[in-house]
Amino acid sequence: DLDVENVQPKSSVLSELQRRVLNAETALREKENENAIMRERVQQYERRWIEYEARMRSMEEAWQKQMSSLQ
């Protein structure tokens, strides 16, 4: 009978598993970096949108004042 706990995997299998782990860790780091960049872009778009809305409100108020002064 073979004792499963005492079976040593081949070094080639271990090397392949280590390679896969390293590749997965590298891919994970790349995705985390991409996500950080995307979060920053979203924040930039949100800031720009808030600025845009403020400008539009200001322009609308100015337009309303002009319309009132014409009446």
PDB file of N, CA and C in Angstrom:
ATOM      1  N   ASP A   1       0.833  -1.206   0.000  1.00  0.00           N
ATOM      2  CA  ASP A   1       0.000   0.000   0.000  1.00  0.00           C
ATOM      3  C   ASP A   1       0.864   1.251   0.000  1.00  0.00           C
ATOM      4  N   LEU A   2       0.421   2.230  -0.769  1.00  0.00           N
ATOM      5  CA  LEU A   2       1.134   3.507  -0.833  1.00  0.00           C
ATOM      6  C   LEU A   2       0.560   4.451   0.206  1.00  0.00           C
ATOM      7  N   ASP A   3       1.435   5.092   0.942  1.00  0.00           N
ATOM      8  CA  ASP A   3       1.010   6.127   1.879  1.00  0.00           C
ATOM      9  C   ASP A   3       0.992   7.449   1.112  1.00  0.00           C
ATOM     10  N   VAL A   4      -0.205   7.990   0.851  1.00  0.00           N
ATOM     11  CA  VAL A   4      -0.369   9.167   0.000  1.00  0.00           C
ATOM     12  C   VAL A   4       0.373  10.368   0.566  1.00  0.00           C
ATOM     13  N   GLU A   5       0.447  10.507   1.865  1.00  0.00           N
ATOM     14  CA  GLU A   5       1.114  11.657   2.473  1.00  0.00           C
ATOM     15  C   GLU A   5       2.613  11.667   2.199  1.00  0.00           C
ATOM     16  N   ASN A   6       3.203  10.520   1.970  1.00  0.00           N
ATOM     17  CA  ASN A   6       4.647  10.434   1.772  1.00  0.00           C
ATOM     18  C   ASN A   6       5.063  10.491   0.305  1.00  0.00           C
ATOM     19  N   VAL A   7       4.099  10.591  -0.595  1.00  0.00           N
ATOM     20  CA  VAL A   7       4.428  10.654  -2.013  1.00  0.00           C
ATOM     21  C   VAL A   7       4.938  12.054  -2.329  1.00  0.00           C
ATOM     22  N   GLN A   8       6.115  12.139  -2.921  1.00  0.00           N
ATOM     23  CA  GLN A   8       6.712  13.425  -3.285  1.00  0.00           C
ATOM     24  C   GLN A   8       6.397  13.715  -4.746  1.00  0.00           C
ATOM     25  N   PRO A   9       5.843  14.891  -5.036  1.00  0.00           N
ATOM     26  CA  PRO A   9       5.596  15.221  -6.439  1.00  0.00           C
ATOM     27  C   PRO A   9       6.913  15.420  -7.171  1.00  0.00           C
ATOM     28  N   LYS A  10       6.894  15.174  -8.455  1.00  0.00           N
ATOM     29  CA  LYS A  10       8.097  15.363  -9.260  1.00  0.00           C
ATOM     30  C   LYS A  10       8.482  16.830  -9.252  1.00  0.00           C
ATOM     31  N   SER A  11       9.771  17.079  -9.377  1.00  0.00           N
ATOM     32  CA  SER A  11      10.236  18.468  -9.375  1.00  0.00           C
ATOM     33  C   SER A  11       9.685  19.233 -10.571  1.00  0.00           C
ATOM     34  N   SER A  12       9.444  18.538 -11.683  1.00  0.00           N
ATOM     35  CA  SER A  12       8.882  19.222 -12.855  1.00  0.00           C
ATOM     36  C   SER A  12       7.459  19.705 -12.572  1.00  0.00           C
ATOM     37  N   VAL A  13       6.720  18.912 -11.807  1.00  0.00           N
ATOM     38  CA  VAL A  13       5.362  19.313 -11.440  1.00  0.00           C
ATOM     39  C   VAL A  13       5.418  20.517 -10.514  1.00  0.00           C
ATOM     40  N   LEU A  14       6.324  20.477  -9.545  1.00  0.00           N
ATOM     41  CA  LEU A  14       6.479  21.613  -8.637  1.00  0.00           C
ATOM     42  C   LEU A  14       6.906  22.863  -9.394  1.00  0.00           C
ATOM     43  N   SER A  15       7.820  22.708 -10.315  1.00  0.00           N
ATOM     44  CA  SER A  15       8.275  23.851 -11.107  1.00  0.00           C
ATOM     45  C   SER A  15       7.129  24.446 -11.907  1.00  0.00           C
ATOM     46  N   GLU A  16       6.324  23.593 -12.492  1.00  0.00           N
ATOM     47  CA  GLU A  16       5.174  24.067 -13.270  1.00  0.00           C
ATOM     48  C   GLU A  16       4.181  24.798 -12.373  1.00  0.00           C
ATOM     49  N   LEU A  17       3.925  24.251 -11.195  1.00  0.00           N
ATOM     50  CA  LEU A  17       3.005  24.910 -10.266  1.00  0.00           C
ATOM     51  C   LEU A  17       3.558  26.255  -9.808  1.00  0.00           C
ATOM     52  N   GLN A  18       4.847  26.301  -9.527  1.00  0.00           N
ATOM     53  CA  GLN A  18       5.468  27.571  -9.122  1.00  0.00           C
ATOM     54  C   GLN A  18       5.373  28.595 -10.253  1.00  0.00           C
ATOM     55  N   ARG A  19       5.598  28.150 -11.474  1.00  0.00           N
ATOM     56  CA  ARG A  19       5.502  29.041 -12.630  1.00  0.00           C
ATOM     57  C   ARG A  19       4.087  29.593 -12.758  1.00  0.00           C
ATOM     58  N   ARG A  20       3.108  28.728 -12.572  1.00  0.00           N
ATOM     59  CA  ARG A  20       1.711  29.166 -12.668  1.00  0.00           C
ATOM     60  C   ARG A  20       1.361  30.164 -11.564  1.00  0.00           C
ATOM     61  N   VAL A  21       1.860  29.902 -10.371  1.00  0.00           N
ATOM     62  CA  VAL A  21       1.612  30.823  -9.253  1.00  0.00           C
ATOM     63  C   VAL A  21       2.228  32.184  -9.554  1.00  0.00           C
ATOM     64  N   LEU A  22       3.467  32.190 -10.036  1.00  0.00           N
ATOM     65  CA  LEU A  22       4.124  33.459 -10.366  1.00  0.00           C
ATOM     66  C   LEU A  22       3.366  34.202 -11.463  1.00  0.00           C
ATOM     67  N   ASN A  23       2.921  33.473 -12.479  1.00  0.00           N
ATOM     68  CA  ASN A  23       2.143  34.097 -13.556  1.00  0.00           C
ATOM     69  C   ASN A  23       0.838  34.681 -13.020  1.00  0.00           C
ATOM     70  N   ALA A  24       0.177  33.939 -12.135  1.00  0.00           N
ATOM     71  CA  ALA A  24      -1.082  34.419 -11.560  1.00  0.00           C
ATOM     72  C   ALA A  24      -0.844  35.660 -10.700  1.00  0.00           C
ATOM     73  N   GLU A  25       0.231  35.654  -9.917  1.00  0.00           N
ATOM     74  CA  GLU A  25       0.546  36.817  -9.082  1.00  0.00           C
ATOM     75  C   GLU A  25       0.864  38.037  -9.940  1.00  0.00           C
ATOM     76  N   THR A  26       1.602  37.823 -11.024  1.00  0.00           N
ATOM     77  CA  THR A  26       1.933  38.922 -11.936  1.00  0.00           C
ATOM     78  C   THR A  26       0.669  39.479 -12.577  1.00  0.00           C
ATOM     79  N   ALA A  27      -0.201  38.594 -13.037  1.00  0.00           N
ATOM     80  CA  ALA A  27      -1.458  39.028 -13.661  1.00  0.00           C
ATOM     81  C   ALA A  27      -2.318  39.790 -12.652  1.00  0.00           C
ATOM     82  N   LEU A  28      -2.337  39.318 -11.417  1.00  0.00           N
ATOM     83  CA  LEU A  28      -3.112  39.988 -10.376  1.00  0.00           C
ATOM     84  C   LEU A  28      -2.589  41.400 -10.127  1.00  0.00           C
ATOM     85  N   ARG A  29      -1.266  41.548 -10.028  1.00  0.00           N
ATOM     86  CA  ARG A  29      -0.676  42.880  -9.827  1.00  0.00           C
ATOM     87  C   ARG A  29      -1.016  43.811 -10.985  1.00  0.00           C
ATOM     88  N   GLU A  30      -0.949  43.290 -12.200  1.00  0.00           N
ATOM     89  CA  GLU A  30      -1.288  44.105 -13.375  1.00  0.00           C
ATOM     90  C   GLU A  30      -2.750  44.555 -13.327  1.00  0.00           C
ATOM     91  N   LYS A  31      -3.638  43.650 -12.973  1.00  0.00           N
ATOM     92  CA  LYS A  31      -5.060  43.995 -12.888  1.00  0.00           C
ATOM     93  C   LYS A  31      -5.307  45.001 -11.769  1.00  0.00           C
ATOM     94  N   GLU A  32      -4.615  44.845 -10.642  1.00  0.00           N
ATOM     95  CA  GLU A  32      -4.768  45.805  -9.550  1.00  0.00           C
ATOM     96  C   GLU A  32      -4.308  47.191  -9.991  1.00  0.00           C
ATOM     97  N   ASN A  33      -3.210  47.249 -10.734  1.00  0.00           N
ATOM     98  CA  ASN A  33      -2.728  48.532 -11.257  1.00  0.00           C
ATOM     99  C   ASN A  33      -3.729  49.128 -12.241  1.00  0.00           C
ATOM    100  N   GLU A  34      -4.259  48.290 -13.131  1.00  0.00           N
ATOM    101  CA  GLU A  34      -5.264  48.763 -14.085  1.00  0.00           C
ATOM    102  C   GLU A  34      -6.486  49.306 -13.352  1.00  0.00           C
ATOM    103  N   ASN A  35      -6.915  48.603 -12.309  1.00  0.00           N
ATOM    104  CA  ASN A  35      -8.078  49.045 -11.539  1.00  0.00           C
ATOM    105  C   ASN A  35      -7.808  50.382 -10.861  1.00  0.00           C
ATOM    106  N   ALA A  36      -6.603  50.565 -10.329  1.00  0.00           N
ATOM    107  CA  ALA A  36      -6.256  51.834  -9.686  1.00  0.00           C
ATOM    108  C   ALA A  36      -6.301  52.974 -10.701  1.00  0.00           C
ATOM    109  N   ILE A  37      -5.780  52.723 -11.898  1.00  0.00           N
ATOM    110  CA  ILE A  37      -5.814  53.740 -12.957  1.00  0.00           C
ATOM    111  C   ILE A  37      -7.262  54.054 -13.332  1.00  0.00           C
ATOM    112  N   MET A  38      -8.078  53.028 -13.470  1.00  0.00           N
ATOM    113  CA  MET A  38      -9.480  53.241 -13.837  1.00  0.00           C
ATOM    114  C   MET A  38     -10.229  54.006 -12.743  1.00  0.00           C
ATOM    115  N   ARG A  39      -9.962  53.696 -11.472  1.00  0.00           N
ATOM    116  CA  ARG A  39     -10.608  54.432 -10.382  1.00  0.00           C
ATOM    117  C   ARG A  39     -10.240  55.910 -10.439  1.00  0.00           C
ATOM    118  N   GLU A  40      -8.961  56.200 -10.710  1.00  0.00           N
ATOM    119  CA  GLU A  40      -8.517  57.589 -10.823  1.00  0.00           C
ATOM    120  C   GLU A  40      -9.220  58.288 -11.984  1.00  0.00           C
ATOM    121  N   ARG A  41      -9.362  57.601 -13.101  1.00  0.00           N
ATOM    122  CA  ARG A  41     -10.060  58.191 -14.252  1.00  0.00           C
ATOM    123  C   ARG A  41     -11.520  58.486 -13.922  1.00  0.00           C
ATOM    124  N   VAL A  42     -12.164  57.558 -13.238  1.00  0.00           N
ATOM    125  CA  VAL A  42     -13.563  57.769 -12.856  1.00  0.00           C
ATOM    126  C   VAL A  42     -13.670  58.998 -11.956  1.00  0.00           C
ATOM    127  N   GLN A  43     -12.750  59.134 -11.011  1.00  0.00           N
ATOM    128  CA  GLN A  43     -12.767  60.307 -10.131  1.00  0.00           C
ATOM    129  C   GLN A  43     -12.567  61.593 -10.928  1.00  0.00           C
ATOM    130  N   GLN A  44     -11.666  61.556 -11.911  1.00  0.00           N
ATOM    131  CA  GLN A  44     -11.454  62.733 -12.754  1.00  0.00           C
ATOM    132  C   GLN A  44     -12.727  63.083 -13.524  1.00  0.00           C
ATOM    133  N   TYR A  45     -13.393  62.075 -14.096  1.00  0.00           N
ATOM    134  CA  TYR A  45     -14.639  62.320 -14.828  1.00  0.00           C
ATOM    135  C   TYR A  45     -15.717  62.879 -13.899  1.00  0.00           C
ATOM    136  N   GLU A  46     -15.779  62.348 -12.675  1.00  0.00           N
ATOM    137  CA  GLU A  46     -16.769  62.846 -11.723  1.00  0.00           C
ATOM    138  C   GLU A  46     -16.504  64.310 -11.383  1.00  0.00           C
ATOM    139  N   ARG A  47     -15.227  64.664 -11.175  1.00  0.00           N
ATOM    140  CA  ARG A  47     -14.894  66.064 -10.882  1.00  0.00           C
ATOM    141  C   ARG A  47     -15.267  66.965 -12.057  1.00  0.00           C
ATOM    142  N   ARG A  48     -14.939  66.522 -13.267  1.00  0.00           N
ATOM    143  CA  ARG A  48     -15.282  67.310 -14.458  1.00  0.00           C
ATOM    144  C   ARG A  48     -16.789  67.464 -14.610  1.00  0.00           C
ATOM    145  N   TRP A  49     -17.521  66.403 -14.318  1.00  0.00           N
ATOM    146  CA  TRP A  49     -18.973  66.459 -14.444  1.00  0.00           C
ATOM    147  C   TRP A  49     -19.551  67.470 -13.454  1.00  0.00           C
ATOM    148  N   ILE A  50     -19.044  67.471 -12.233  1.00  0.00           N
ATOM    149  CA  ILE A  50     -19.507  68.433 -11.222  1.00  0.00           C
ATOM    150  C   ILE A  50     -19.218  69.857 -11.687  1.00  0.00           C
ATOM    151  N   GLU A  51     -18.030  70.078 -12.240  1.00  0.00           N
ATOM    152  CA  GLU A  51     -17.685  71.402 -12.771  1.00  0.00           C
ATOM    153  C   GLU A  51     -18.613  71.783 -13.926  1.00  0.00           C
ATOM    154  N   TYR A  52     -18.889  70.837 -14.788  1.00  0.00           N
ATOM    155  CA  TYR A  52     -19.785  71.078 -15.929  1.00  0.00           C
ATOM    156  C   TYR A  52     -21.178  71.466 -15.438  1.00  0.00           C
ATOM    157  N   GLU A  53     -21.699  70.708 -14.466  1.00  0.00           N
ATOM    158  CA  GLU A  53     -23.024  71.014 -13.935  1.00  0.00           C
ATOM    159  C   GLU A  53     -23.061  72.410 -13.320  1.00  0.00           C
ATOM    160  N   ALA A  54     -22.014  72.787 -12.602  1.00  0.00           N
ATOM    161  CA  ALA A  54     -21.959  74.121 -11.993  1.00  0.00           C
ATOM    162  C   ALA A  54     -21.958  75.202 -13.074  1.00  0.00           C
ATOM    163  N   ARG A  55     -21.197  74.999 -14.138  1.00  0.00           N
ATOM    164  CA  ARG A  55     -21.179  75.971 -15.246  1.00  0.00           C
ATOM    165  C   ARG A  55     -22.550  76.078 -15.904  1.00  0.00           C
ATOM    166  N   MET A  56     -23.199  74.944 -16.101  1.00  0.00           N
ATOM    167  CA  MET A  56     -24.522  74.955 -16.725  1.00  0.00           C
ATOM    168  C   MET A  56     -25.527  75.687 -15.839  1.00  0.00           C
ATOM    169  N   ARG A  57     -25.480  75.462 -14.529  1.00  0.00           N
ATOM    170  CA  ARG A  57     -26.386  76.169 -13.618  1.00  0.00           C
ATOM    171  C   ARG A  57     -26.137  77.672 -13.685  1.00  0.00           C
ATOM    172  N   SER A  58     -24.866  78.046 -13.705  1.00  0.00           N
ATOM    173  CA  SER A  58     -24.509  79.463 -13.780  1.00  0.00           C
ATOM    174  C   SER A  58     -25.016  80.085 -15.079  1.00  0.00           C
ATOM    175  N   MET A  59     -24.840  79.382 -16.180  1.00  0.00           N
ATOM    176  CA  MET A  59     -25.310  79.892 -17.472  1.00  0.00           C
ATOM    177  C   MET A  59     -26.832  79.997 -17.494  1.00  0.00           C
ATOM    178  N   GLU A  60     -27.499  79.016 -16.902  1.00  0.00           N
ATOM    179  CA  GLU A  60     -28.961  79.050 -16.866  1.00  0.00           C
ATOM    180  C   GLU A  60     -29.447  80.227 -16.026  1.00  0.00           C
ATOM    181  N   GLU A  61     -28.793  80.466 -14.889  1.00  0.00           N
ATOM    182  CA  GLU A  61     -29.171  81.607 -14.050  1.00  0.00           C
ATOM    183  C   GLU A  61     -28.970  82.921 -14.803  1.00  0.00           C
ATOM    184  N   ALA A  62     -27.848  83.040 -15.513  1.00  0.00           N
ATOM    185  CA  ALA A  62     -27.585  84.256 -16.289  1.00  0.00           C
ATOM    186  C   ALA A  62     -28.644  84.423 -17.376  1.00  0.00           C
ATOM    187  N   TRP A  63     -29.024  83.339 -18.015  1.00  0.00           N
ATOM    188  CA  TRP A  63     -30.051  83.389 -19.058  1.00  0.00           C
ATOM    189  C   TRP A  63     -31.392  83.825 -18.468  1.00  0.00           C
ATOM    190  N   GLN A  64     -31.728  83.249 -17.290  1.00  0.00           N
ATOM    191  CA  GLN A  64     -32.985  83.616 -16.627  1.00  0.00           C
ATOM    192  C   GLN A  64     -32.998  85.106 -16.283  1.00  0.00           C
ATOM    193  N   LYS A  65     -31.873  85.625 -15.810  1.00  0.00           N
ATOM    194  CA  LYS A  65     -31.788  87.054 -15.477  1.00  0.00           C
ATOM    195  C   LYS A  65     -31.967  87.908 -16.727  1.00  0.00           C
ATOM    196  N   GLN A  66     -31.353  87.496 -17.815  1.00  0.00           N
ATOM    197  CA  GLN A  66     -31.500  88.243 -19.073  1.00  0.00           C
ATOM    198  C   GLN A  66     -32.953  88.226 -19.542  1.00  0.00           C
ATOM    199  N   MET A  67     -33.575  87.069 -19.453  1.00  0.00           N
ATOM    200  CA  MET A  67     -34.978  86.964 -19.872  1.00  0.00           C
ATOM    201  C   MET A  67     -35.860  87.847 -18.990  1.00  0.00           C
ATOM    202  N   SER A  68     -35.583  87.869 -17.692  1.00  0.00           N
ATOM    203  CA  SER A  68     -36.369  88.702 -16.775  1.00  0.00           C
ATOM    204  C   SER A  68     -36.187  90.175 -17.091  1.00  0.00           C
ATOM    205  N   SER A  69     -34.967  90.563 -17.425  1.00  0.00           N
ATOM    206  CA  SER A  69     -34.704  91.981 -17.708  1.00  0.00           C
ATOM    207  C   SER A  69     -35.349  92.420 -19.016  1.00  0.00           C
ATOM    208  N   LEU A  70     -35.618  91.505 -19.913  1.00  0.00           N
ATOM    209  CA  LEU A  70     -36.252  91.844 -21.185  1.00  0.00           C
ATOM    210  C   LEU A  70     -37.757  92.047 -21.036  1.00  0.00           C
ATOM    211  N   GLN A  71     -38.324  91.526 -19.974  1.00  0.00           N
ATOM    212  CA  GLN A  71     -39.785  91.610 -19.807  1.00  0.00           C
ATOM    213  C   GLN A  71     -40.217  92.887 -19.132  1.00  0.00           C
TER     214      GLN A  71
END
